[in-house]
Amino acid sequence: MAYTYNKPSSKKTRRQLRNDLTPAEALLWKNIQRQQLDGRRFRRQYSIGSYIVDFYCVEERLVIELDGSVHDNIGSQLYDDERTSFLESLDIKVIRFENSEIFKSLDFVIEAIKQEFKQA
């Protein structure tokens, strides 16, 4: 599939999402940007297929999704399940955290992300 990653048609949306990070996304980004997490490079608001993920590490084929209250309804949960299935079909691992976990247990979240890294 051409342009599976960062489709030109989603560039404007990706840019808007990067400029309007939620407080939880901004806090996590501050802790994973610039290869400060074991040298891994993360991209924020990155498109894969027709979906835009919160954070993506190409090297690890790892997506990090942060979920707020908007994800509590059945429609959002079905959409999230569909997106996760699509990403997993591309051999991409998806891990999810609640926004509240970022604020209450950031160290735990960072360690959980590191645990997903393949050992070199």
PDB file of N, CA and C in Angstrom:
ATOM      1  N   MET A   1       0.852  -1.175   0.000  1.00  0.00           N
ATOM      2  CA  MET A   1       0.000   0.000   0.000  1.00  0.00           C
ATOM      3  C   MET A   1       0.897   1.237   0.000  1.00  0.00           C
ATOM      4  N   ALA A   2       0.719   2.078  -0.989  1.00  0.00           N
ATOM      5  CA  ALA A   2       1.508   3.299  -1.073  1.00  0.00           C
ATOM      6  C   ALA A   2       1.107   4.245   0.056  1.00  0.00           C
ATOM      7  N   TYR A   3       2.077   4.944   0.572  1.00  0.00           N
ATOM      8  CA  TYR A   3       1.847   5.918   1.637  1.00  0.00           C
ATOM      9  C   TYR A   3       1.116   5.319   2.837  1.00  0.00           C
ATOM     10  N   THR A   4       1.578   4.157   3.266  1.00  0.00           N
ATOM     11  CA  THR A   4       1.018   3.587   4.482  1.00  0.00           C
ATOM     12  C   THR A   4       1.348   4.482   5.672  1.00  0.00           C
ATOM     13  N   TYR A   5       2.529   5.093   5.633  1.00  0.00           N
ATOM     14  CA  TYR A   5       2.989   5.914   6.751  1.00  0.00           C
ATOM     15  C   TYR A   5       2.980   7.390   6.369  1.00  0.00           C
ATOM     16  N   ASN A   6       2.447   8.198   7.257  1.00  0.00           N
ATOM     17  CA  ASN A   6       2.387   9.648   7.101  1.00  0.00           C
ATOM     18  C   ASN A   6       1.882  10.084   5.734  1.00  0.00           C
ATOM     19  N   LYS A   7       0.676   9.681   5.454  1.00  0.00           N
ATOM     20  CA  LYS A   7       0.024  10.054   4.195  1.00  0.00           C
ATOM     21  C   LYS A   7       0.004  11.574   4.037  1.00  0.00           C
ATOM     22  N   PRO A   8       0.330  12.053   2.856  1.00  0.00           N
ATOM     23  CA  PRO A   8       0.265  13.505   2.631  1.00  0.00           C
ATOM     24  C   PRO A   8      -1.127  14.078   2.906  1.00  0.00           C
ATOM     25  N   SER A   9      -2.167  13.306   2.666  1.00  0.00           N
ATOM     26  CA  SER A   9      -3.532  13.807   2.866  1.00  0.00           C
ATOM     27  C   SER A   9      -3.863  14.058   4.339  1.00  0.00           C
ATOM     28  N   SER A  10      -3.099  13.471   5.255  1.00  0.00           N
ATOM     29  CA  SER A  10      -3.381  13.677   6.686  1.00  0.00           C
ATOM     30  C   SER A  10      -2.423  14.673   7.331  1.00  0.00           C
ATOM     31  N   LYS A  11      -1.574  15.303   6.526  1.00  0.00           N
ATOM     32  CA  LYS A  11      -0.555  16.203   7.076  1.00  0.00           C
ATOM     33  C   LYS A  11      -1.159  17.348   7.901  1.00  0.00           C
ATOM     34  N   LYS A  12      -2.197  17.978   7.380  1.00  0.00           N
ATOM     35  CA  LYS A  12      -2.811  19.101   8.087  1.00  0.00           C
ATOM     36  C   LYS A  12      -3.395  18.653   9.429  1.00  0.00           C
ATOM     37  N   THR A  13      -4.063  17.512   9.432  1.00  0.00           N
ATOM     38  CA  THR A  13      -4.645  16.980  10.667  1.00  0.00           C
ATOM     39  C   THR A  13      -3.556  16.623  11.670  1.00  0.00           C
ATOM     40  N   ARG A  14      -2.494  15.973  11.193  1.00  0.00           N
ATOM     41  CA  ARG A  14      -1.382  15.606  12.090  1.00  0.00           C
ATOM     42  C   ARG A  14      -0.768  16.848  12.722  1.00  0.00           C
ATOM     43  N   ARG A  15      -0.565  17.875  11.908  1.00  0.00           N
ATOM     44  CA  ARG A  15       0.029  19.122  12.414  1.00  0.00           C
ATOM     45  C   ARG A  15      -0.881  19.740  13.474  1.00  0.00           C
ATOM     46  N   GLN A  16      -2.176  19.764  13.208  1.00  0.00           N
ATOM     47  CA  GLN A  16      -3.121  20.338  14.177  1.00  0.00           C
ATOM     48  C   GLN A  16      -3.082  19.539  15.489  1.00  0.00           C
ATOM     49  N   LEU A  17      -3.066  18.210  15.395  1.00  0.00           N
ATOM     50  CA  LEU A  17      -3.015  17.381  16.600  1.00  0.00           C
ATOM     51  C   LEU A  17      -1.714  17.604  17.379  1.00  0.00           C
ATOM     52  N   ARG A  18      -0.601  17.773  16.676  1.00  0.00           N
ATOM     53  CA  ARG A  18       0.670  18.034  17.357  1.00  0.00           C
ATOM     54  C   ARG A  18       0.632  19.378  18.080  1.00  0.00           C
ATOM     55  N   ASN A  19      -0.036  20.346  17.477  1.00  0.00           N
ATOM     56  CA  ASN A  19      -0.128  21.676  18.097  1.00  0.00           C
ATOM     57  C   ASN A  19      -1.123  21.718  19.244  1.00  0.00           C
ATOM     58  N   ASP A  20      -2.034  20.760  19.296  1.00  0.00           N
ATOM     59  CA  ASP A  20      -3.090  20.738  20.315  1.00  0.00           C
ATOM     60  C   ASP A  20      -3.009  19.479  21.180  1.00  0.00           C
ATOM     61  N   LEU A  21      -1.819  19.116  21.617  1.00  0.00           N
ATOM     62  CA  LEU A  21      -1.678  17.940  22.468  1.00  0.00           C
ATOM     63  C   LEU A  21      -2.515  18.097  23.739  1.00  0.00           C
ATOM     64  N   THR A  22      -3.061  16.986  24.203  1.00  0.00           N
ATOM     65  CA  THR A  22      -3.731  17.022  25.499  1.00  0.00           C
ATOM     66  C   THR A  22      -2.656  17.192  26.565  1.00  0.00           C
ATOM     67  N   PRO A  23      -3.026  17.611  27.783  1.00  0.00           N
ATOM     68  CA  PRO A  23      -2.021  17.733  28.842  1.00  0.00           C
ATOM     69  C   PRO A  23      -1.269  16.420  29.090  1.00  0.00           C
ATOM     70  N   ALA A  24      -1.960  15.287  29.022  1.00  0.00           N
ATOM     71  CA  ALA A  24      -1.299  13.995  29.235  1.00  0.00           C
ATOM     72  C   ALA A  24      -0.306  13.705  28.101  1.00  0.00           C
ATOM     73  N   GLU A  25      -0.711  13.972  26.861  1.00  0.00           N
ATOM     74  CA  GLU A  25       0.187  13.758  25.728  1.00  0.00           C
ATOM     75  C   GLU A  25       1.415  14.656  25.832  1.00  0.00           C
ATOM     76  N   ALA A  26       1.210  15.908  26.226  1.00  0.00           N
ATOM     77  CA  ALA A  26       2.324  16.854  26.353  1.00  0.00           C
ATOM     78  C   ALA A  26       3.314  16.389  27.415  1.00  0.00           C
ATOM     79  N   LEU A  27       2.806  15.896  28.530  1.00  0.00           N
ATOM     80  CA  LEU A  27       3.690  15.425  29.600  1.00  0.00           C
ATOM     81  C   LEU A  27       4.472  14.185  29.170  1.00  0.00           C
ATOM     82  N   LEU A  28       3.794  13.231  28.554  1.00  0.00           N
ATOM     83  CA  LEU A  28       4.512  12.041  28.100  1.00  0.00           C
ATOM     84  C   LEU A  28       5.531  12.420  27.028  1.00  0.00           C
ATOM     85  N   TRP A  29       5.136  13.268  26.085  1.00  0.00           N
ATOM     86  CA  TRP A  29       6.047  13.680  25.015  1.00  0.00           C
ATOM     87  C   TRP A  29       7.313  14.316  25.585  1.00  0.00           C
ATOM     88  N   LYS A  30       7.141  15.130  26.613  1.00  0.00           N
ATOM     89  CA  LYS A  30       8.294  15.786  27.249  1.00  0.00           C
ATOM     90  C   LYS A  30       9.293  14.755  27.776  1.00  0.00           C
ATOM     91  N   ASN A  31       8.801  13.567  28.102  1.00  0.00           N
ATOM     92  CA  ASN A  31       9.654  12.524  28.686  1.00  0.00           C
ATOM     93  C   ASN A  31      10.162  11.494  27.681  1.00  0.00           C
ATOM     94  N   ILE A  32       9.647  11.511  26.460  1.00  0.00           N
ATOM     95  CA  ILE A  32      10.114  10.517  25.481  1.00  0.00           C
ATOM     96  C   ILE A  32      10.719  11.143  24.230  1.00  0.00           C
ATOM     97  N   GLN A  33      10.603  12.463  24.082  1.00  0.00           N
ATOM     98  CA  GLN A  33      11.141  13.110  22.879  1.00  0.00           C
ATOM     99  C   GLN A  33      12.674  13.127  22.918  1.00  0.00           C
ATOM    100  N   ARG A  34      13.270  13.424  21.792  1.00  0.00           N
ATOM    101  CA  ARG A  34      14.724  13.574  21.654  1.00  0.00           C
ATOM    102  C   ARG A  34      15.503  12.346  22.117  1.00  0.00           C
ATOM    103  N   GLN A  35      14.970  11.194  21.855  1.00  0.00           N
ATOM    104  CA  GLN A  35      15.642   9.915  22.114  1.00  0.00           C
ATOM    105  C   GLN A  35      16.073   9.744  23.571  1.00  0.00           C
ATOM    106  N   GLN A  36      15.322  10.340  24.494  1.00  0.00           N
ATOM    107  CA  GLN A  36      15.715  10.235  25.892  1.00  0.00           C
ATOM    108  C   GLN A  36      15.239   8.942  26.560  1.00  0.00           C
ATOM    109  N   LEU A  37      14.502   8.123  25.851  1.00  0.00           N
ATOM    110  CA  LEU A  37      14.036   6.856  26.408  1.00  0.00           C
ATOM    111  C   LEU A  37      14.868   5.732  25.788  1.00  0.00           C
ATOM    112  N   ASP A  38      15.963   5.422  26.431  1.00  0.00           N
ATOM    113  CA  ASP A  38      16.892   4.386  25.959  1.00  0.00           C
ATOM    114  C   ASP A  38      17.309   4.582  24.506  1.00  0.00           C
ATOM    115  N   GLY A  39      17.420   5.823  24.073  1.00  0.00           N
ATOM    116  CA  GLY A  39      17.874   6.126  22.725  1.00  0.00           C
ATOM    117  C   GLY A  39      16.851   5.887  21.628  1.00  0.00           C
ATOM    118  N   ARG A  40      15.615   5.549  21.993  1.00  0.00           N
ATOM    119  CA  ARG A  40      14.575   5.294  20.986  1.00  0.00           C
ATOM    120  C   ARG A  40      13.968   6.619  20.533  1.00  0.00           C
ATOM    121  N   ARG A  41      13.723   6.726  19.245  1.00  0.00           N
ATOM    122  CA  ARG A  41      13.112   7.930  18.688  1.00  0.00           C
ATOM    123  C   ARG A  41      11.618   7.694  18.513  1.00  0.00           C
ATOM    124  N   PHE A  42      10.836   8.550  19.144  1.00  0.00           N
ATOM    125  CA  PHE A  42       9.384   8.492  19.002  1.00  0.00           C
ATOM    126  C   PHE A  42       8.919   9.642  18.133  1.00  0.00           C
ATOM    127  N   ARG A  43       7.865   9.374  17.383  1.00  0.00           N
ATOM    128  CA  ARG A  43       7.190  10.403  16.596  1.00  0.00           C
ATOM    129  C   ARG A  43       5.820  10.593  17.214  1.00  0.00           C
ATOM    130  N   ARG A  44       5.339  11.819  17.218  1.00  0.00           N
ATOM    131  CA  ARG A  44       4.010  12.063  17.787  1.00  0.00           C
ATOM    132  C   ARG A  44       3.033  12.363  16.664  1.00  0.00           C
ATOM    133  N   GLN A  45       1.796  11.960  16.889  1.00  0.00           N
ATOM    134  CA  GLN A  45       0.715  12.168  15.926  1.00  0.00           C
ATOM    135  C   GLN A  45       1.169  11.721  14.536  1.00  0.00           C
ATOM    136  N   TYR A  46       1.437  10.450  14.437  1.00  0.00           N
ATOM    137  CA  TYR A  46       1.999   9.832  13.236  1.00  0.00           C
ATOM    138  C   TYR A  46       0.918   9.004  12.564  1.00  0.00           C
ATOM    139  N   SER A  47       0.812   9.111  11.241  1.00  0.00           N
ATOM    140  CA  SER A  47      -0.251   8.352  10.576  1.00  0.00           C
ATOM    141  C   SER A  47       0.283   7.028  10.045  1.00  0.00           C
ATOM    142  N   ILE A  48      -0.529   6.017  10.244  1.00  0.00           N
ATOM    143  CA  ILE A  48      -0.266   4.669   9.734  1.00  0.00           C
ATOM    144  C   ILE A  48      -1.578   4.220   9.103  1.00  0.00           C
ATOM    145  N   GLY A  49      -1.546   3.989   7.791  1.00  0.00           N
ATOM    146  CA  GLY A  49      -2.787   3.717   7.081  1.00  0.00           C
ATOM    147  C   GLY A  49      -3.687   4.923   7.198  1.00  0.00           C
ATOM    148  N   SER A  50      -4.935   4.714   7.520  1.00  0.00           N
ATOM    149  CA  SER A  50      -5.874   5.835   7.654  1.00  0.00           C
ATOM    150  C   SER A  50      -5.996   6.312   9.101  1.00  0.00           C
ATOM    151  N   TYR A  51      -5.133   5.822   9.978  1.00  0.00           N
ATOM    152  CA  TYR A  51      -5.203   6.167  11.395  1.00  0.00           C
ATOM    153  C   TYR A  51      -4.046   7.077  11.797  1.00  0.00           C
ATOM    154  N   ILE A  52      -4.292   7.918  12.786  1.00  0.00           N
ATOM    155  CA  ILE A  52      -3.237   8.741  13.367  1.00  0.00           C
ATOM    156  C   ILE A  52      -3.060   8.273  14.803  1.00  0.00           C
ATOM    157  N   VAL A  53      -1.840   7.832  15.116  1.00  0.00           N
ATOM    158  CA  VAL A  53      -1.548   7.319  16.457  1.00  0.00           C
ATOM    159  C   VAL A  53      -0.899   8.417  17.286  1.00  0.00           C
ATOM    160  N   ASP A  54      -1.017   8.294  18.598  1.00  0.00           N
ATOM    161  CA  ASP A  54      -0.458   9.319  19.483  1.00  0.00           C
ATOM    162  C   ASP A  54       1.064   9.367  19.385  1.00  0.00           C
ATOM    163  N   PHE A  55       1.716   8.219  19.583  1.00  0.00           N
ATOM    164  CA  PHE A  55       3.176   8.145  19.534  1.00  0.00           C
ATOM    165  C   PHE A  55       3.583   6.856  18.849  1.00  0.00           C
ATOM    166  N   TYR A  56       4.673   6.927  18.065  1.00  0.00           N
ATOM    167  CA  TYR A  56       5.140   5.737  17.338  1.00  0.00           C
ATOM    168  C   TYR A  56       6.653   5.702  17.335  1.00  0.00           C
ATOM    169  N   CYS A  57       7.202   4.536  17.668  1.00  0.00           N
ATOM    170  CA  CYS A  57       8.638   4.281  17.582  1.00  0.00           C
ATOM    171  C   CYS A  57       8.850   3.303  16.435  1.00  0.00           C
ATOM    172  N   VAL A  58       9.438   3.798  15.346  1.00  0.00           N
ATOM    173  CA  VAL A  58       9.663   2.974  14.160  1.00  0.00           C
ATOM    174  C   VAL A  58      10.573   1.802  14.490  1.00  0.00           C
ATOM    175  N   GLU A  59      11.673   2.074  15.182  1.00  0.00           N
ATOM    176  CA  GLU A  59      12.664   1.056  15.516  1.00  0.00           C
ATOM    177  C   GLU A  59      12.041  -0.126  16.260  1.00  0.00           C
ATOM    178  N   GLU A  60      11.130   0.160  17.160  1.00  0.00           N
ATOM    179  CA  GLU A  60      10.504  -0.880  17.970  1.00  0.00           C
ATOM    180  C   GLU A  60       9.167  -1.354  17.405  1.00  0.00           C
ATOM    181  N   ARG A  61       8.666  -0.657  16.376  1.00  0.00           N
ATOM    182  CA  ARG A  61       7.333  -0.960  15.831  1.00  0.00           C
ATOM    183  C   ARG A  61       6.312  -0.950  16.980  1.00  0.00           C
ATOM    184  N   LEU A  62       6.356   0.152  17.732  1.00  0.00           N
ATOM    185  CA  LEU A  62       5.565   0.292  18.954  1.00  0.00           C
ATOM    186  C   LEU A  62       4.741   1.570  18.916  1.00  0.00           C
ATOM    187  N   VAL A  63       3.438   1.428  19.120  1.00  0.00           N
ATOM    188  CA  VAL A  63       2.517   2.554  19.214  1.00  0.00           C
ATOM    189  C   VAL A  63       2.114   2.716  20.679  1.00  0.00           C
ATOM    190  N   ILE A  64       2.105   3.955  21.130  1.00  0.00           N
ATOM    191  CA  ILE A  64       1.607   4.289  22.466  1.00  0.00           C
ATOM    192  C   ILE A  64       0.369   5.150  22.279  1.00  0.00           C
ATOM    193  N   GLU A  65      -0.731   4.711  22.852  1.00  0.00           N
ATOM    194  CA  GLU A  65      -1.989   5.448  22.796  1.00  0.00           C
ATOM    195  C   GLU A  65      -2.367   5.883  24.202  1.00  0.00           C
ATOM    196  N   LEU A  66      -2.793   7.126  24.335  1.00  0.00           N
ATOM    197  CA  LEU A  66      -3.297   7.643  25.600  1.00  0.00           C
ATOM    198  C   LEU A  66      -4.794   7.840  25.471  1.00  0.00           C
ATOM    199  N   ASP A  67      -5.515   7.313  26.435  1.00  0.00           N
ATOM    200  CA  ASP A  67      -6.972   7.330  26.382  1.00  0.00           C
ATOM    201  C   ASP A  67      -7.548   8.186  27.500  1.00  0.00           C
ATOM    202  N   GLY A  68      -8.393   9.122  27.116  1.00  0.00           N
ATOM    203  CA  GLY A  68      -9.139   9.929  28.075  1.00  0.00           C
ATOM    204  C   GLY A  68     -10.578   9.464  28.107  1.00  0.00           C
ATOM    205  N   SER A  69     -11.435  10.270  28.688  1.00  0.00           N
ATOM    206  CA  SER A  69     -12.836   9.887  28.864  1.00  0.00           C
ATOM    207  C   SER A  69     -13.570   9.719  27.535  1.00  0.00           C
ATOM    208  N   VAL A  70     -13.076  10.336  26.474  1.00  0.00           N
ATOM    209  CA  VAL A  70     -13.724  10.201  25.172  1.00  0.00           C
ATOM    210  C   VAL A  70     -13.707   8.743  24.691  1.00  0.00           C
ATOM    211  N   HIS A  71     -12.798   7.956  25.223  1.00  0.00           N
ATOM    212  CA  HIS A  71     -12.678   6.548  24.828  1.00  0.00           C
ATOM    213  C   HIS A  71     -13.581   5.626  25.639  1.00  0.00           C
ATOM    214  N   ASP A  72     -14.390   6.196  26.530  1.00  0.00           N
ATOM    215  CA  ASP A  72     -15.244   5.384  27.396  1.00  0.00           C
ATOM    216  C   ASP A  72     -16.525   4.898  26.726  1.00  0.00           C
ATOM    217  N   ASN A  73     -16.902   5.483  25.603  1.00  0.00           N
ATOM    218  CA  ASN A  73     -18.155   5.050  24.978  1.00  0.00           C
ATOM    219  C   ASN A  73     -17.908   3.890  24.014  1.00  0.00           C
ATOM    220  N   ILE A  74     -18.940   3.137  23.742  1.00  0.00           N
ATOM    221  CA  ILE A  74     -18.830   1.906  22.950  1.00  0.00           C
ATOM    222  C   ILE A  74     -18.346   2.182  21.524  1.00  0.00           C
ATOM    223  N   GLY A  75     -18.774   3.298  20.937  1.00  0.00           N
ATOM    224  CA  GLY A  75     -18.337   3.633  19.583  1.00  0.00           C
ATOM    225  C   GLY A  75     -16.837   3.847  19.507  1.00  0.00           C
ATOM    226  N   SER A  76     -16.307   4.578  20.470  1.00  0.00           N
ATOM    227  CA  SER A  76     -14.860   4.816  20.514  1.00  0.00           C
ATOM    228  C   SER A  76     -14.101   3.531  20.781  1.00  0.00           C
ATOM    229  N   GLN A  77     -14.649   2.680  21.641  1.00  0.00           N
ATOM    230  CA  GLN A  77     -13.981   1.411  21.941  1.00  0.00           C
ATOM    231  C   GLN A  77     -13.929   0.520  20.708  1.00  0.00           C
ATOM    232  N   LEU A  78     -15.010   0.485  19.928  1.00  0.00           N
ATOM    233  CA  LEU A  78     -15.023  -0.307  18.696  1.00  0.00           C
ATOM    234  C   LEU A  78     -14.012   0.237  17.694  1.00  0.00           C
ATOM    235  N   TYR A  79     -13.953   1.560  17.571  1.00  0.00           N
ATOM    236  CA  TYR A  79     -12.987   2.195  16.680  1.00  0.00           C
ATOM    237  C   TYR A  79     -11.563   1.866  17.124  1.00  0.00           C
ATOM    238  N   ASP A  80     -11.301   1.958  18.435  1.00  0.00           N
ATOM    239  CA  ASP A  80      -9.971   1.637  18.964  1.00  0.00           C
ATOM    240  C   ASP A  80      -9.610   0.183  18.679  1.00  0.00           C
ATOM    241  N   ASP A  81     -10.572  -0.721  18.852  1.00  0.00           N
ATOM    242  CA  ASP A  81     -10.318  -2.142  18.575  1.00  0.00           C
ATOM    243  C   ASP A  81      -9.995  -2.367  17.100  1.00  0.00           C
ATOM    244  N   GLU A  82     -10.744  -1.694  16.226  1.00  0.00           N
ATOM    245  CA  GLU A  82     -10.506  -1.812  14.782  1.00  0.00           C
ATOM    246  C   GLU A  82      -9.111  -1.290  14.424  1.00  0.00           C
ATOM    247  N   ARG A  83      -8.756  -0.156  14.991  1.00  0.00           N
ATOM    248  CA  ARG A  83      -7.441   0.439  14.731  1.00  0.00           C
ATOM    249  C   ARG A  83      -6.332  -0.466  15.252  1.00  0.00           C
ATOM    250  N   THR A  84      -6.498  -0.989  16.455  1.00  0.00           N
ATOM    251  CA  THR A  84      -5.490  -1.883  17.017  1.00  0.00           C
ATOM    252  C   THR A  84      -5.323  -3.128  16.151  1.00  0.00           C
ATOM    253  N   SER A  85      -6.410  -3.698  15.694  1.00  0.00           N
ATOM    254  CA  SER A  85      -6.336  -4.879  14.816  1.00  0.00           C
ATOM    255  C   SER A  85      -5.576  -4.559  13.538  1.00  0.00           C
ATOM    256  N   PHE A  86      -5.854  -3.403  12.950  1.00  0.00           N
ATOM    257  CA  PHE A  86      -5.153  -3.001  11.737  1.00  0.00           C
ATOM    258  C   PHE A  86      -3.655  -2.874  12.001  1.00  0.00           C
ATOM    259  N   LEU A  87      -3.284  -2.177  13.075  1.00  0.00           N
ATOM    260  CA  LEU A  87      -1.877  -1.972  13.385  1.00  0.00           C
ATOM    261  C   LEU A  87      -1.175  -3.297  13.672  1.00  0.00           C
ATOM    262  N   GLU A  88      -1.837  -4.167  14.417  1.00  0.00           N
ATOM    263  CA  GLU A  88      -1.247  -5.475  14.709  1.00  0.00           C
ATOM    264  C   GLU A  88      -1.082  -6.311  13.444  1.00  0.00           C
ATOM    265  N   SER A  89      -1.953  -6.100  12.445  1.00  0.00           N
ATOM    266  CA  SER A  89      -1.806  -6.816  11.173  1.00  0.00           C
ATOM    267  C   SER A  89      -0.548  -6.378  10.437  1.00  0.00           C
ATOM    268  N   LEU A  90      -0.011  -5.208  10.799  1.00  0.00           N
ATOM    269  CA  LEU A  90       1.245  -4.708  10.231  1.00  0.00           C
ATOM    270  C   LEU A  90       2.433  -5.038  11.131  1.00  0.00           C
ATOM    271  N   ASP A  91       2.200  -5.906  12.114  1.00  0.00           N
ATOM    272  CA  ASP A  91       3.231  -6.302  13.082  1.00  0.00           C
ATOM    273  C   ASP A  91       3.696  -5.116  13.934  1.00  0.00           C
ATOM    274  N   ILE A  92       2.741  -4.282  14.309  1.00  0.00           N
ATOM    275  CA  ILE A  92       3.007  -3.145  15.183  1.00  0.00           C
ATOM    276  C   ILE A  92       2.304  -3.407  16.510  1.00  0.00           C
ATOM    277  N   LYS A  93       3.052  -3.316  17.583  1.00  0.00           N
ATOM    278  CA  LYS A  93       2.502  -3.522  18.930  1.00  0.00           C
ATOM    279  C   LYS A  93       1.862  -2.224  19.415  1.00  0.00           C
ATOM    280  N   VAL A  94       0.693  -2.333  20.030  1.00  0.00           N
ATOM    281  CA  VAL A  94      -0.027  -1.176  20.556  1.00  0.00           C
ATOM    282  C   VAL A  94      -0.157  -1.331  22.066  1.00  0.00           C
ATOM    283  N   ILE A  95       0.285  -0.312  22.796  1.00  0.00           N
ATOM    284  CA  ILE A  95       0.064  -0.291  24.242  1.00  0.00           C
ATOM    285  C   ILE A  95      -0.742   0.968  24.568  1.00  0.00           C
ATOM    286  N   ARG A  96      -1.615   0.835  25.553  1.00  0.00           N
ATOM    287  CA  ARG A  96      -2.526   1.925  25.906  1.00  0.00           C
ATOM    288  C   ARG A  96      -2.375   2.276  27.379  1.00  0.00           C
ATOM    289  N   PHE A  97      -2.524   3.551  27.646  1.00  0.00           N
ATOM    290  CA  PHE A  97      -2.527   4.050  29.015  1.00  0.00           C
ATOM    291  C   PHE A  97      -3.675   5.041  29.149  1.00  0.00           C
ATOM    292  N   GLU A  98      -4.252   5.096  30.330  1.00  0.00           N
ATOM    293  CA  GLU A  98      -5.246   6.113  30.637  1.00  0.00           C
ATOM    294  C   GLU A  98      -4.503   7.423  30.907  1.00  0.00           C
ATOM    295  N   ASN A  99      -5.117   8.527  30.527  1.00  0.00           N
ATOM    296  CA  ASN A  99      -4.503   9.828  30.804  1.00  0.00           C
ATOM    297  C   ASN A  99      -4.145   9.971  32.276  1.00  0.00           C
ATOM    298  N   SER A 100      -5.009   9.492  33.147  1.00  0.00           N
ATOM    299  CA  SER A 100      -4.769   9.624  34.589  1.00  0.00           C
ATOM    300  C   SER A 100      -3.487   8.915  35.020  1.00  0.00           C
ATOM    301  N   GLU A 101      -3.130   7.823  34.326  1.00  0.00           N
ATOM    302  CA  GLU A 101      -1.887   7.115  34.661  1.00  0.00           C
ATOM    303  C   GLU A 101      -0.660   7.982  34.403  1.00  0.00           C
ATOM    304  N   ILE A 102      -0.724   8.816  33.391  1.00  0.00           N
ATOM    305  CA  ILE A 102       0.400   9.692  33.065  1.00  0.00           C
ATOM    306  C   ILE A 102       0.648  10.659  34.217  1.00  0.00           C
ATOM    307  N   PHE A 103      -0.423  11.185  34.797  1.00  0.00           N
ATOM    308  CA  PHE A 103      -0.285  12.161  35.870  1.00  0.00           C
ATOM    309  C   PHE A 103       0.018  11.518  37.223  1.00  0.00           C
ATOM    310  N   LYS A 104      -0.536  10.336  37.468  1.00  0.00           N
ATOM    311  CA  LYS A 104      -0.374   9.698  38.773  1.00  0.00           C
ATOM    312  C   LYS A 104       0.852   8.809  38.864  1.00  0.00           C
ATOM    313  N   SER A 105       1.234   8.176  37.746  1.00  0.00           N
ATOM    314  CA  SER A 105       2.294   7.150  37.793  1.00  0.00           C
ATOM    315  C   SER A 105       3.195   7.227  36.570  1.00  0.00           C
ATOM    316  N   LEU A 106       3.708   8.409  36.271  1.00  0.00           N
ATOM    317  CA  LEU A 106       4.525   8.579  35.069  1.00  0.00           C
ATOM    318  C   LEU A 106       5.720   7.631  35.064  1.00  0.00           C
ATOM    319  N   ASP A 107       6.376   7.455  36.209  1.00  0.00           N
ATOM    320  CA  ASP A 107       7.530   6.546  36.267  1.00  0.00           C
ATOM    321  C   ASP A 107       7.126   5.121  35.890  1.00  0.00           C
ATOM    322  N   PHE A 108       5.972   4.681  36.355  1.00  0.00           N
ATOM    323  CA  PHE A 108       5.465   3.354  36.008  1.00  0.00           C
ATOM    324  C   PHE A 108       5.221   3.254  34.501  1.00  0.00           C
ATOM    325  N   VAL A 109       4.613   4.279  33.920  1.00  0.00           N
ATOM    326  CA  VAL A 109       4.325   4.289  32.484  1.00  0.00           C
ATOM    327  C   VAL A 109       5.630   4.207  31.688  1.00  0.00           C
ATOM    328  N   ILE A 110       6.613   5.005  32.073  1.00  0.00           N
ATOM    329  CA  ILE A 110       7.908   4.993  31.374  1.00  0.00           C
ATOM    330  C   ILE A 110       8.535   3.606  31.458  1.00  0.00           C
ATOM    331  N   GLU A 111       8.504   2.988  32.614  1.00  0.00           N
ATOM    332  CA  GLU A 111       9.064   1.639  32.771  1.00  0.00           C
ATOM    333  C   GLU A 111       8.284   0.620  31.945  1.00  0.00           C
ATOM    334  N   ALA A 112       6.968   0.751  31.904  1.00  0.00           N
ATOM    335  CA  ALA A 112       6.141  -0.164  31.107  1.00  0.00           C
ATOM    336  C   ALA A 112       6.485  -0.031  29.624  1.00  0.00           C
ATOM    337  N   ILE A 113       6.735   1.180  29.163  1.00  0.00           N
ATOM    338  CA  ILE A 113       7.137   1.384  27.757  1.00  0.00           C
ATOM    339  C   ILE A 113       8.482   0.712  27.512  1.00  0.00           C
ATOM    340  N   LYS A 114       9.434   0.934  28.403  1.00  0.00           N
ATOM    341  CA  LYS A 114      10.771   0.319  28.251  1.00  0.00           C
ATOM    342  C   LYS A 114      10.680  -1.204  28.203  1.00  0.00           C
ATOM    343  N   GLN A 115       9.754  -1.777  28.960  1.00  0.00           N
ATOM    344  CA  GLN A 115       9.599  -3.229  28.990  1.00  0.00           C
ATOM    345  C   GLN A 115       9.183  -3.775  27.619  1.00  0.00           C
ATOM    346  N   GLU A 116       8.598  -2.936  26.791  1.00  0.00           N
ATOM    347  CA  GLU A 116       8.171  -3.358  25.460  1.00  0.00           C
ATOM    348  C   GLU A 116       9.314  -3.337  24.438  1.00  0.00           C
ATOM    349  N   PHE A 117      10.430  -2.718  24.794  1.00  0.00           N
ATOM    350  CA  PHE A 117      11.555  -2.635  23.863  1.00  0.00           C
ATOM    351  C   PHE A 117      12.165  -4.021  23.666  1.00  0.00           C
ATOM    352  N   LYS A 118      12.496  -4.307  22.422  1.00  0.00           N
ATOM    353  CA  LYS A 118      13.216  -5.542  22.131  1.00  0.00           C
ATOM    354  C   LYS A 118      14.628  -5.405  22.686  1.00  0.00           C
ATOM    355  N   GLN A 119      15.141  -6.475  23.198  1.00  0.00           N
ATOM    356  CA  GLN A 119      16.493  -6.426  23.755  1.00  0.00           C
ATOM    357  C   GLN A 119      17.507  -6.477  22.623  1.00  0.00           C
ATOM    358  N   ALA A 120      18.474  -5.572  22.670  1.00  0.00           N
ATOM    359  CA  ALA A 120      19.503  -5.492  21.601  1.00  0.00           C
ATOM    360  C   ALA A 120      20.550  -6.565  21.776  1.00  0.00           C
TER     361      ALA A 120
END
